[in-house]
Amino acid sequence: MAKRRSAAVSLRVGIFLFVILIITSGQALGADHVIKVGTIQPDSHPDCVLMREVFQEYVEKSSNGRIKVEPYPNAQLGGDREMSEGGAARHTPDGPTGYIHVYHEGEYLEV
């Protein structure tokens, strides 16, 4: 009888902790969406500086913090092939960052 009671209490405590974990896990994320931008360029490359100082700030400010941009320079996510294959597997868009400077401000970044 005592074993059943202790097992029932343990089960209730376990379920309670699991529910608390599920409820609070989403609150740790500050943003509703995260855009991971990977490039093989070094952090000091003009395209990376543009991404960090213009694109990242613009997206996060325009979305009131609902969208967070995480830049990954220096091939932190792998080379072009690995990032393309990983993006296809995760259904995330990728593209060459060498063409960022071609777009004119305001033409494509309208929110």
PDB file of N, CA and C in Angstrom:
ATOM      1  N   MET A   1       0.821  -1.195   0.000  1.00  0.00           N
ATOM      2  CA  MET A   1       0.000   0.000   0.000  1.00  0.00           C
ATOM      3  C   MET A   1       0.866   1.262   0.000  1.00  0.00           C
ATOM      4  N   ALA A   2       1.905   1.239   0.828  1.00  0.00           N
ATOM      5  CA  ALA A   2       2.796   2.399   0.903  1.00  0.00           C
ATOM      6  C   ALA A   2       3.545   2.592  -0.409  1.00  0.00           C
ATOM      7  N   LYS A   3       3.884   1.489  -1.083  1.00  0.00           N
ATOM      8  CA  LYS A   3       4.590   1.586  -2.357  1.00  0.00           C
ATOM      9  C   LYS A   3       3.698   2.214  -3.422  1.00  0.00           C
ATOM     10  N   ARG A   4       2.417   1.858  -3.417  1.00  0.00           N
ATOM     11  CA  ARG A   4       1.479   2.443  -4.379  1.00  0.00           C
ATOM     12  C   ARG A   4       1.327   3.935  -4.153  1.00  0.00           C
ATOM     13  N   ARG A   5       1.217   4.328  -2.898  1.00  0.00           N
ATOM     14  CA  ARG A   5       1.052   5.737  -2.571  1.00  0.00           C
ATOM     15  C   ARG A   5       2.302   6.506  -3.002  1.00  0.00           C
ATOM     16  N   SER A   6       3.468   5.958  -2.705  1.00  0.00           N
ATOM     17  CA  SER A   6       4.700   6.642  -3.071  1.00  0.00           C
ATOM     18  C   SER A   6       4.863   6.695  -4.588  1.00  0.00           C
ATOM     19  N   ALA A   7       4.447   5.645  -5.292  1.00  0.00           N
ATOM     20  CA  ALA A   7       4.506   5.644  -6.754  1.00  0.00           C
ATOM     21  C   ALA A   7       3.536   6.673  -7.325  1.00  0.00           C
ATOM     22  N   ALA A   8       2.341   6.787  -6.741  1.00  0.00           N
ATOM     23  CA  ALA A   8       1.356   7.764  -7.207  1.00  0.00           C
ATOM     24  C   ALA A   8       1.855   9.184  -6.978  1.00  0.00           C
ATOM     25  N   VAL A   9       2.457   9.431  -5.822  1.00  0.00           N
ATOM     26  CA  VAL A   9       2.998  10.762  -5.527  1.00  0.00           C
ATOM     27  C   VAL A   9       4.142  11.077  -6.484  1.00  0.00           C
ATOM     28  N   SER A  10       5.016  10.114  -6.720  1.00  0.00           N
ATOM     29  CA  SER A  10       6.130  10.315  -7.650  1.00  0.00           C
ATOM     30  C   SER A  10       5.623  10.608  -9.052  1.00  0.00           C
ATOM     31  N   LEU A  11       4.589   9.893  -9.466  1.00  0.00           N
ATOM     32  CA  LEU A  11       4.013  10.115 -10.782  1.00  0.00           C
ATOM     33  C   LEU A  11       3.413  11.514 -10.886  1.00  0.00           C
ATOM     34  N   ARG A  12       2.686  11.938  -9.876  1.00  0.00           N
ATOM     35  CA  ARG A  12       2.092  13.283  -9.873  1.00  0.00           C
ATOM     36  C   ARG A  12       3.166  14.360  -9.908  1.00  0.00           C
ATOM     37  N   VAL A  13       4.216  14.190  -9.112  1.00  0.00           N
ATOM     38  CA  VAL A  13       5.312  15.168  -9.098  1.00  0.00           C
ATOM     39  C   VAL A  13       5.992  15.203 -10.463  1.00  0.00           C
ATOM     40  N   GLY A  14       6.204  14.033 -11.060  1.00  0.00           N
ATOM     41  CA  GLY A  14       6.819  13.966 -12.383  1.00  0.00           C
ATOM     42  C   GLY A  14       5.984  14.659 -13.441  1.00  0.00           C
ATOM     43  N   ILE A  15       4.682  14.417 -13.421  1.00  0.00           N
ATOM     44  CA  ILE A  15       3.784  15.068 -14.376  1.00  0.00           C
ATOM     45  C   ILE A  15       3.775  16.573 -14.151  1.00  0.00           C
ATOM     46  N   PHE A  16       3.732  17.008 -12.903  1.00  0.00           N
ATOM     47  CA  PHE A  16       3.742  18.431 -12.583  1.00  0.00           C
ATOM     48  C   PHE A  16       5.013  19.092 -13.116  1.00  0.00           C
ATOM     49  N   LEU A  17       6.161  18.473 -12.877  1.00  0.00           N
ATOM     50  CA  LEU A  17       7.426  19.038 -13.350  1.00  0.00           C
ATOM     51  C   LEU A  17       7.493  19.058 -14.875  1.00  0.00           C
ATOM     52  N   PHE A  18       6.957  18.031 -15.516  1.00  0.00           N
ATOM     53  CA  PHE A  18       6.935  17.984 -16.971  1.00  0.00           C
ATOM     54  C   PHE A  18       6.077  19.115 -17.538  1.00  0.00           C
ATOM     55  N   VAL A  19       4.912  19.335 -16.953  1.00  0.00           N
ATOM     56  CA  VAL A  19       4.029  20.412 -17.409  1.00  0.00           C
ATOM     57  C   VAL A  19       4.697  21.771 -17.215  1.00  0.00           C
ATOM     58  N   ILE A  20       5.337  21.984 -16.079  1.00  0.00           N
ATOM     59  CA  ILE A  20       6.048  23.247 -15.831  1.00  0.00           C
ATOM     60  C   ILE A  20       7.161  23.437 -16.854  1.00  0.00           C
ATOM     61  N   LEU A  21       7.886  22.375 -17.166  1.00  0.00           N
ATOM     62  CA  LEU A  21       8.956  22.445 -18.155  1.00  0.00           C
ATOM     63  C   LEU A  21       8.411  22.831 -19.522  1.00  0.00           C
ATOM     64  N   ILE A  22       7.315  22.240 -19.922  1.00  0.00           N
ATOM     65  CA  ILE A  22       6.707  22.542 -21.219  1.00  0.00           C
ATOM     66  C   ILE A  22       6.222  23.989 -21.260  1.00  0.00           C
ATOM     67  N   ILE A  23       5.592  24.446 -20.210  1.00  0.00           N
ATOM     68  CA  ILE A  23       5.054  25.806 -20.178  1.00  0.00           C
ATOM     69  C   ILE A  23       6.165  26.841 -20.231  1.00  0.00           C
ATOM     70  N   THR A  24       7.225  26.627 -19.490  1.00  0.00           N
ATOM     71  CA  THR A  24       8.285  27.634 -19.409  1.00  0.00           C
ATOM     72  C   THR A  24       9.309  27.531 -20.522  1.00  0.00           C
ATOM     73  N   SER A  25       9.358  26.446 -21.262  1.00  0.00           N
ATOM     74  CA  SER A  25      10.388  26.307 -22.292  1.00  0.00           C
ATOM     75  C   SER A  25      10.205  27.318 -23.409  1.00  0.00           C
ATOM     76  N   GLY A  26       8.994  27.637 -23.796  1.00  0.00           N
ATOM     77  CA  GLY A  26       8.754  28.617 -24.835  1.00  0.00           C
ATOM     78  C   GLY A  26       9.017  30.033 -24.388  1.00  0.00           C
ATOM     79  N   GLN A  27       8.954  30.302 -23.109  1.00  0.00           N
ATOM     80  CA  GLN A  27       9.175  31.650 -22.617  1.00  0.00           C
ATOM     81  C   GLN A  27      10.643  32.023 -22.618  1.00  0.00           C
ATOM     82  N   ALA A  28      11.535  31.055 -22.676  1.00  0.00           N
ATOM     83  CA  ALA A  28      12.957  31.353 -22.680  1.00  0.00           C
ATOM     84  C   ALA A  28      13.369  31.985 -23.999  1.00  0.00           C
ATOM     85  N   LEU A  29      12.637  31.687 -25.054  1.00  0.00           N
ATOM     86  CA  LEU A  29      12.939  32.275 -26.341  1.00  0.00           C
ATOM     87  C   LEU A  29      12.356  33.675 -26.391  1.00  0.00           C
ATOM     88  N   GLY A  30      13.191  34.649 -26.720  1.00  0.00           N
ATOM     89  CA  GLY A  30      12.719  36.018 -26.742  1.00  0.00           C
ATOM     90  C   GLY A  30      11.922  36.343 -27.993  1.00  0.00           C
ATOM     91  N   ALA A  31      12.167  35.624 -29.075  1.00  0.00           N
ATOM     92  CA  ALA A  31      11.531  35.940 -30.340  1.00  0.00           C
ATOM     93  C   ALA A  31      10.586  34.817 -30.761  1.00  0.00           C
ATOM     94  N   ASP A  32       9.585  35.199 -31.582  1.00  0.00           N
ATOM     95  CA  ASP A  32       8.663  34.212 -32.127  1.00  0.00           C
ATOM     96  C   ASP A  32       9.333  33.396 -33.230  1.00  0.00           C
ATOM     97  N   HIS A  33      10.211  34.049 -33.989  1.00  0.00           N
ATOM     98  CA  HIS A  33      10.892  33.415 -35.117  1.00  0.00           C
ATOM     99  C   HIS A  33      12.370  33.771 -35.079  1.00  0.00           C
ATOM    100  N   VAL A  34      13.196  32.860 -35.550  1.00  0.00           N
ATOM    101  CA  VAL A  34      14.637  33.091 -35.617  1.00  0.00           C
ATOM    102  C   VAL A  34      15.091  32.833 -37.046  1.00  0.00           C
ATOM    103  N   ILE A  35      15.797  33.802 -37.611  1.00  0.00           N
ATOM    104  CA  ILE A  35      16.381  33.653 -38.938  1.00  0.00           C
ATOM    105  C   ILE A  35      17.875  33.448 -38.749  1.00  0.00           C
ATOM    106  N   LYS A  36      18.369  32.296 -39.159  1.00  0.00           N
ATOM    107  CA  LYS A  36      19.800  32.011 -39.078  1.00  0.00           C
ATOM    108  C   LYS A  36      20.408  32.288 -40.446  1.00  0.00           C
ATOM    109  N   VAL A  37      21.374  33.209 -40.477  1.00  0.00           N
ATOM    110  CA  VAL A  37      22.010  33.592 -41.729  1.00  0.00           C
ATOM    111  C   VAL A  37      23.465  33.156 -41.677  1.00  0.00           C
ATOM    112  N   GLY A  38      23.822  32.192 -42.514  1.00  0.00           N
ATOM    113  CA  GLY A  38      25.188  31.690 -42.551  1.00  0.00           C
ATOM    114  C   GLY A  38      25.910  32.166 -43.791  1.00  0.00           C
ATOM    115  N   THR A  39      27.200  32.418 -43.659  1.00  0.00           N
ATOM    116  CA  THR A  39      28.029  32.831 -44.784  1.00  0.00           C
ATOM    117  C   THR A  39      29.446  32.322 -44.576  1.00  0.00           C
ATOM    118  N   ILE A  40      30.170  32.169 -45.674  1.00  0.00           N
ATOM    119  CA  ILE A  40      31.561  31.745 -45.565  1.00  0.00           C
ATOM    120  C   ILE A  40      32.486  32.946 -45.429  1.00  0.00           C
ATOM    121  N   GLN A  41      31.945  34.141 -45.578  1.00  0.00           N
ATOM    122  CA  GLN A  41      32.750  35.361 -45.485  1.00  0.00           C
ATOM    123  C   GLN A  41      33.193  35.609 -44.048  1.00  0.00           C
ATOM    124  N   PRO A  42      34.361  36.263 -43.863  1.00  0.00           N
ATOM    125  CA  PRO A  42      34.786  36.616 -42.500  1.00  0.00           C
ATOM    126  C   PRO A  42      33.885  37.696 -41.914  1.00  0.00           C
ATOM    127  N   ASP A  43      33.899  37.820 -40.619  1.00  0.00           N
ATOM    128  CA  ASP A  43      33.036  38.774 -39.913  1.00  0.00           C
ATOM    129  C   ASP A  43      33.296  40.213 -40.342  1.00  0.00           C
ATOM    130  N   SER A  44      34.521  40.508 -40.786  1.00  0.00           N
ATOM    131  CA  SER A  44      34.868  41.877 -41.176  1.00  0.00           C
ATOM    132  C   SER A  44      34.515  42.184 -42.629  1.00  0.00           C
ATOM    133  N   HIS A  45      34.044  41.210 -43.382  1.00  0.00           N
ATOM    134  CA  HIS A  45      33.693  41.414 -44.789  1.00  0.00           C
ATOM    135  C   HIS A  45      32.521  42.390 -44.881  1.00  0.00           C
ATOM    136  N   PRO A  46      32.525  43.278 -45.894  1.00  0.00           N
ATOM    137  CA  PRO A  46      31.440  44.269 -46.006  1.00  0.00           C
ATOM    138  C   PRO A  46      30.037  43.665 -46.031  1.00  0.00           C
ATOM    139  N   ASP A  47      29.876  42.498 -46.638  1.00  0.00           N
ATOM    140  CA  ASP A  47      28.549  41.868 -46.667  1.00  0.00           C
ATOM    141  C   ASP A  47      28.100  41.458 -45.270  1.00  0.00           C
ATOM    142  N   CYS A  48      29.034  40.978 -44.448  1.00  0.00           N
ATOM    143  CA  CYS A  48      28.691  40.589 -43.072  1.00  0.00           C
ATOM    144  C   CYS A  48      28.380  41.815 -42.226  1.00  0.00           C
ATOM    145  N   VAL A  49      29.152  42.876 -42.442  1.00  0.00           N
ATOM    146  CA  VAL A  49      28.897  44.118 -41.709  1.00  0.00           C
ATOM    147  C   VAL A  49      27.524  44.656 -42.083  1.00  0.00           C
ATOM    148  N   LEU A  50      27.185  44.630 -43.376  1.00  0.00           N
ATOM    149  CA  LEU A  50      25.873  45.081 -43.844  1.00  0.00           C
ATOM    150  C   LEU A  50      24.762  44.233 -43.241  1.00  0.00           C
ATOM    151  N   MET A  51      24.972  42.921 -43.224  1.00  0.00           N
ATOM    152  CA  MET A  51      23.961  42.022 -42.663  1.00  0.00           C
ATOM    153  C   MET A  51      23.728  42.329 -41.186  1.00  0.00           C
ATOM    154  N   ARG A  52      24.816  42.525 -40.451  1.00  0.00           N
ATOM    155  CA  ARG A  52      24.723  42.726 -39.007  1.00  0.00           C
ATOM    156  C   ARG A  52      24.215  44.130 -38.663  1.00  0.00           C
ATOM    157  N   GLU A  53      24.735  45.145 -39.337  1.00  0.00           N
ATOM    158  CA  GLU A  53      24.414  46.523 -38.956  1.00  0.00           C
ATOM    159  C   GLU A  53      23.161  47.070 -39.625  1.00  0.00           C
ATOM    160  N   VAL A  54      22.743  46.499 -40.730  1.00  0.00           N
ATOM    161  CA  VAL A  54      21.555  47.003 -41.418  1.00  0.00           C
ATOM    162  C   VAL A  54      20.418  45.979 -41.351  1.00  0.00           C
ATOM    163  N   PHE A  55      20.642  44.806 -41.936  1.00  0.00           N
ATOM    164  CA  PHE A  55      19.573  43.808 -42.030  1.00  0.00           C
ATOM    165  C   PHE A  55      19.101  43.340 -40.663  1.00  0.00           C
ATOM    166  N   GLN A  56      20.033  42.934 -39.808  1.00  0.00           N
ATOM    167  CA  GLN A  56      19.669  42.412 -38.485  1.00  0.00           C
ATOM    168  C   GLN A  56      18.943  43.467 -37.663  1.00  0.00           C
ATOM    169  N   GLU A  57      19.495  44.675 -37.608  1.00  0.00           N
ATOM    170  CA  GLU A  57      18.855  45.740 -36.827  1.00  0.00           C
ATOM    171  C   GLU A  57      17.488  46.098 -37.400  1.00  0.00           C
ATOM    172  N   TYR A  58      17.387  46.166 -38.730  1.00  0.00           N
ATOM    173  CA  TYR A  58      16.126  46.537 -39.365  1.00  0.00           C
ATOM    174  C   TYR A  58      15.029  45.511 -39.078  1.00  0.00           C
ATOM    175  N   VAL A  59      15.357  44.232 -39.250  1.00  0.00           N
ATOM    176  CA  VAL A  59      14.362  43.172 -39.047  1.00  0.00           C
ATOM    177  C   VAL A  59      13.918  43.124 -37.591  1.00  0.00           C
ATOM    178  N   GLU A  60      14.875  43.148 -36.663  1.00  0.00           N
ATOM    179  CA  GLU A  60      14.523  43.045 -35.247  1.00  0.00           C
ATOM    180  C   GLU A  60      13.750  44.273 -34.770  1.00  0.00           C
ATOM    181  N   LYS A  61      14.124  45.459 -35.264  1.00  0.00           N
ATOM    182  CA  LYS A  61      13.415  46.683 -34.861  1.00  0.00           C
ATOM    183  C   LYS A  61      12.018  46.735 -35.492  1.00  0.00           C
ATOM    184  N   SER A  62      11.921  46.391 -36.771  1.00  0.00           N
ATOM    185  CA  SER A  62      10.636  46.457 -37.473  1.00  0.00           C
ATOM    186  C   SER A  62       9.631  45.435 -36.954  1.00  0.00           C
ATOM    187  N   SER A  63      10.133  44.317 -36.451  1.00  0.00           N
ATOM    188  CA  SER A  63       9.227  43.277 -35.951  1.00  0.00           C
ATOM    189  C   SER A  63       8.971  43.411 -34.453  1.00  0.00           C
ATOM    190  N   ASN A  64       9.466  44.467 -33.848  1.00  0.00           N
ATOM    191  CA  ASN A  64       9.332  44.679 -32.400  1.00  0.00           C
ATOM    192  C   ASN A  64       9.857  43.489 -31.602  1.00  0.00           C
ATOM    193  N   GLY A  65      10.945  42.907 -32.081  1.00  0.00           N
ATOM    194  CA  GLY A  65      11.574  41.807 -31.367  1.00  0.00           C
ATOM    195  C   GLY A  65      10.950  40.447 -31.603  1.00  0.00           C
ATOM    196  N   ARG A  66       9.916  40.378 -32.458  1.00  0.00           N
ATOM    197  CA  ARG A  66       9.281  39.082 -32.721  1.00  0.00           C
ATOM    198  C   ARG A  66      10.142  38.202 -33.625  1.00  0.00           C
ATOM    199  N   ILE A  67      11.006  38.833 -34.415  1.00  0.00           N
ATOM    200  CA  ILE A  67      11.909  38.090 -35.290  1.00  0.00           C
ATOM    201  C   ILE A  67      13.334  38.413 -34.873  1.00  0.00           C
ATOM    202  N   LYS A  68      14.114  37.383 -34.635  1.00  0.00           N
ATOM    203  CA  LYS A  68      15.512  37.550 -34.252  1.00  0.00           C
ATOM    204  C   LYS A  68      16.386  37.028 -35.385  1.00  0.00           C
ATOM    205  N   VAL A  69      17.439  37.768 -35.713  1.00  0.00           N
ATOM    206  CA  VAL A  69      18.378  37.362 -36.751  1.00  0.00           C
ATOM    207  C   VAL A  69      19.676  36.935 -36.078  1.00  0.00           C
ATOM    208  N   GLU A  70      20.117  35.722 -36.394  1.00  0.00           N
ATOM    209  CA  GLU A  70      21.370  35.203 -35.846  1.00  0.00           C
ATOM    210  C   GLU A  70      22.374  35.041 -36.984  1.00  0.00           C
ATOM    211  N   PRO A  71      23.380  35.930 -37.077  1.00  0.00           N
ATOM    212  CA  PRO A  71      24.392  35.784 -38.127  1.00  0.00           C
ATOM    213  C   PRO A  71      25.451  34.754 -37.740  1.00  0.00           C
ATOM    214  N   TYR A  72      25.875  33.965 -38.713  1.00  0.00           N
ATOM    215  CA  TYR A  72      26.922  32.961 -38.520  1.00  0.00           C
ATOM    216  C   TYR A  72      27.985  33.143 -39.602  1.00  0.00           C
ATOM    217  N   PRO A  73      28.950  34.059 -39.409  1.00  0.00           N
ATOM    218  CA  PRO A  73      30.012  34.258 -40.402  1.00  0.00           C
ATOM    219  C   PRO A  73      31.103  33.192 -40.267  1.00  0.00           C
ATOM    220  N   ASN A  74      32.136  33.300 -41.095  1.00  0.00           N
ATOM    221  CA  ASN A  74      33.323  32.433 -41.040  1.00  0.00           C
ATOM    222  C   ASN A  74      32.989  30.957 -41.211  1.00  0.00           C
ATOM    223  N   ALA A  75      31.988  30.635 -41.977  1.00  0.00           N
ATOM    224  CA  ALA A  75      31.602  29.246 -42.250  1.00  0.00           C
ATOM    225  C   ALA A  75      31.331  28.454 -40.974  1.00  0.00           C
ATOM    226  N   GLN A  76      30.738  29.105 -39.977  1.00  0.00           N
ATOM    227  CA  GLN A  76      30.419  28.419 -38.721  1.00  0.00           C
ATOM    228  C   GLN A  76      29.400  27.304 -38.932  1.00  0.00           C
ATOM    229  N   LEU A  77      28.542  27.459 -39.930  1.00  0.00           N
ATOM    230  CA  LEU A  77      27.540  26.434 -40.224  1.00  0.00           C
ATOM    231  C   LEU A  77      28.004  25.494 -41.329  1.00  0.00           C
ATOM    232  N   GLY A  78      29.261  25.636 -41.753  1.00  0.00           N
ATOM    233  CA  GLY A  78      29.812  24.803 -42.815  1.00  0.00           C
ATOM    234  C   GLY A  78      30.064  25.626 -44.064  1.00  0.00           C
ATOM    235  N   GLY A  79      30.572  24.970 -45.088  1.00  0.00           N
ATOM    236  CA  GLY A  79      30.802  25.630 -46.365  1.00  0.00           C
ATOM    237  C   GLY A  79      29.501  25.848 -47.116  1.00  0.00           C
ATOM    238  N   ASP A  80      29.620  26.373 -48.343  1.00  0.00           N
ATOM    239  CA  ASP A  80      28.422  26.624 -49.146  1.00  0.00           C
ATOM    240  C   ASP A  80      27.600  25.353 -49.349  1.00  0.00           C
ATOM    241  N   ARG A  81      28.278  24.257 -49.647  1.00  0.00           N
ATOM    242  CA  ARG A  81      27.559  23.010 -49.902  1.00  0.00           C
ATOM    243  C   ARG A  81      26.841  22.522 -48.646  1.00  0.00           C
ATOM    244  N   GLU A  82      27.537  22.532 -47.507  1.00  0.00           N
ATOM    245  CA  GLU A  82      26.923  22.061 -46.260  1.00  0.00           C
ATOM    246  C   GLU A  82      25.739  22.930 -45.856  1.00  0.00           C
ATOM    247  N   MET A  83      25.886  24.253 -46.030  1.00  0.00           N
ATOM    248  CA  MET A  83      24.774  25.142 -45.674  1.00  0.00           C
ATOM    249  C   MET A  83      23.586  24.927 -46.605  1.00  0.00           C
ATOM    250  N   SER A  84      23.854  24.725 -47.904  1.00  0.00           N
ATOM    251  CA  SER A  84      22.762  24.484 -48.854  1.00  0.00           C
ATOM    252  C   SER A  84      22.049  23.181 -48.543  1.00  0.00           C
ATOM    253  N   GLU A  85      22.832  22.131 -48.274  1.00  0.00           N
ATOM    254  CA  GLU A  85      22.221  20.846 -47.948  1.00  0.00           C
ATOM    255  C   GLU A  85      21.475  20.904 -46.622  1.00  0.00           C
ATOM    256  N   GLY A  86      22.049  21.580 -45.637  1.00  0.00           N
ATOM    257  CA  GLY A  86      21.388  21.718 -44.342  1.00  0.00           C
ATOM    258  C   GLY A  86      20.132  22.548 -44.441  1.00  0.00           C
ATOM    259  N   GLY A  87      20.172  23.600 -45.259  1.00  0.00           N
ATOM    260  CA  GLY A  87      18.994  24.434 -45.455  1.00  0.00           C
ATOM    261  C   GLY A  87      17.875  23.673 -46.127  1.00  0.00           C
ATOM    262  N   ALA A  88      18.228  22.842 -47.100  1.00  0.00           N
ATOM    263  CA  ALA A  88      17.205  22.043 -47.784  1.00  0.00           C
ATOM    264  C   ALA A  88      16.598  21.025 -46.832  1.00  0.00           C
ATOM    265  N   ALA A  89      17.422  20.463 -45.967  1.00  0.00           N
ATOM    266  CA  ALA A  89      16.918  19.462 -45.025  1.00  0.00           C
ATOM    267  C   ALA A  89      16.006  20.089 -43.985  1.00  0.00           C
ATOM    268  N   ARG A  90      16.275  21.336 -43.617  1.00  0.00           N
ATOM    269  CA  ARG A  90      15.478  22.014 -42.584  1.00  0.00           C
ATOM    270  C   ARG A  90      14.419  22.934 -43.185  1.00  0.00           C
ATOM    271  N   HIS A  91      14.343  22.968 -44.504  1.00  0.00           N
ATOM    272  CA  HIS A  91      13.383  23.832 -45.196  1.00  0.00           C
ATOM    273  C   HIS A  91      13.623  25.298 -44.867  1.00  0.00           C
ATOM    274  N   THR A  92      14.887  25.690 -44.764  1.00  0.00           N
ATOM    275  CA  THR A  92      15.213  27.088 -44.529  1.00  0.00           C
ATOM    276  C   THR A  92      15.858  27.647 -45.780  1.00  0.00           C
ATOM    277  N   PRO A  93      15.503  28.867 -46.150  1.00  0.00           N
ATOM    278  CA  PRO A  93      16.087  29.434 -47.366  1.00  0.00           C
ATOM    279  C   PRO A  93      17.553  29.778 -47.157  1.00  0.00           C
ATOM    280  N   ASP A  94      18.316  29.653 -48.215  1.00  0.00           N
ATOM    281  CA  ASP A  94      19.702  30.083 -48.173  1.00  0.00           C
ATOM    282  C   ASP A  94      20.015  30.703 -49.523  1.00  0.00           C
ATOM    283  N   GLY A  95      21.100  31.377 -49.591  1.00  0.00           N
ATOM    284  CA  GLY A  95      21.491  31.995 -50.838  1.00  0.00           C
ATOM    285  C   GLY A  95      22.859  32.610 -50.706  1.00  0.00           C
ATOM    286  N   PRO A  96      23.440  32.979 -51.830  1.00  0.00           N
ATOM    287  CA  PRO A  96      24.777  33.567 -51.775  1.00  0.00           C
ATOM    288  C   PRO A  96      24.725  34.962 -51.175  1.00  0.00           C
ATOM    289  N   THR A  97      25.559  35.205 -50.188  1.00  0.00           N
ATOM    290  CA  THR A  97      25.571  36.533 -49.568  1.00  0.00           C
ATOM    291  C   THR A  97      26.387  37.514 -50.376  1.00  0.00           C
ATOM    292  N   GLY A  98      27.052  37.040 -51.407  1.00  0.00           N
ATOM    293  CA  GLY A  98      27.836  37.935 -52.246  1.00  0.00           C
ATOM    294  C   GLY A  98      26.979  38.910 -53.024  1.00  0.00           C
ATOM    295  N   TYR A  99      25.676  38.691 -53.072  1.00  0.00           N
ATOM    296  CA  TYR A  99      24.787  39.554 -53.837  1.00  0.00           C
ATOM    297  C   TYR A  99      23.956  40.489 -52.970  1.00  0.00           C
ATOM    298  N   ILE A 100      24.250  40.561 -51.699  1.00  0.00           N
ATOM    299  CA  ILE A 100      23.474  41.434 -50.815  1.00  0.00           C
ATOM    300  C   ILE A 100      23.569  42.885 -51.256  1.00  0.00           C
ATOM    301  N   HIS A 101      24.755  43.304 -51.686  1.00  0.00           N
ATOM    302  CA  HIS A 101      24.961  44.709 -52.035  1.00  0.00           C
ATOM    303  C   HIS A 101      24.223  45.121 -53.304  1.00  0.00           C
ATOM    304  N   VAL A 102      23.685  44.177 -54.077  1.00  0.00           N
ATOM    305  CA  VAL A 102      22.983  44.487 -55.312  1.00  0.00           C
ATOM    306  C   VAL A 102      21.620  45.115 -55.029  1.00  0.00           C
ATOM    307  N   TYR A 103      20.981  44.765 -53.929  1.00  0.00           N
ATOM    308  CA  TYR A 103      19.640  45.239 -53.615  1.00  0.00           C
ATOM    309  C   TYR A 103      19.683  46.652 -53.055  1.00  0.00           C
ATOM    310  N   HIS A 104      18.727  47.432 -53.451  1.00  0.00           N
ATOM    311  CA  HIS A 104      18.662  48.817 -53.005  1.00  0.00           C
ATOM    312  C   HIS A 104      17.801  48.915 -51.755  1.00  0.00           C
ATOM    313  N   GLU A 105      18.245  49.737 -50.812  1.00  0.00           N
ATOM    314  CA  GLU A 105      17.537  49.861 -49.539  1.00  0.00           C
ATOM    315  C   GLU A 105      16.106  50.329 -49.775  1.00  0.00           C
ATOM    316  N   GLY A 106      15.172  49.697 -49.100  1.00  0.00           N
ATOM    317  CA  GLY A 106      13.772  50.075 -49.192  1.00  0.00           C
ATOM    318  C   GLY A 106      13.031  49.356 -50.300  1.00  0.00           C
ATOM    319  N   GLU A 107      13.750  48.877 -51.292  1.00  0.00           N
ATOM    320  CA  GLU A 107      13.105  48.212 -52.410  1.00  0.00           C
ATOM    321  C   GLU A 107      12.623  46.814 -52.034  1.00  0.00           C
ATOM    322  N   TYR A 108      13.389  46.101 -51.208  1.00  0.00           N
ATOM    323  CA  TYR A 108      13.038  44.743 -50.832  1.00  0.00           C
ATOM    324  C   TYR A 108      12.777  44.589 -49.348  1.00  0.00           C
ATOM    325  N   LEU A 109      13.096  45.591 -48.557  1.00  0.00           N
ATOM    326  CA  LEU A 109      12.977  45.470 -47.113  1.00  0.00           C
ATOM    327  C   LEU A 109      11.747  46.169 -46.552  1.00  0.00           C
ATOM    328  N   GLU A 110      10.739  46.372 -47.385  1.00  0.00           N
ATOM    329  CA  GLU A 110       9.517  47.001 -46.899  1.00  0.00           C
ATOM    330  C   GLU A 110       8.770  46.037 -45.997  1.00  0.00           C
ATOM    331  N   VAL A 111       8.333  46.516 -44.841  1.00  0.00           N
ATOM    332  CA  VAL A 111       7.595  45.664 -43.908  1.00  0.00           C
ATOM    333  C   VAL A 111       6.146  46.075 -43.894  1.00  0.00           C
TER     334      VAL A 111
END
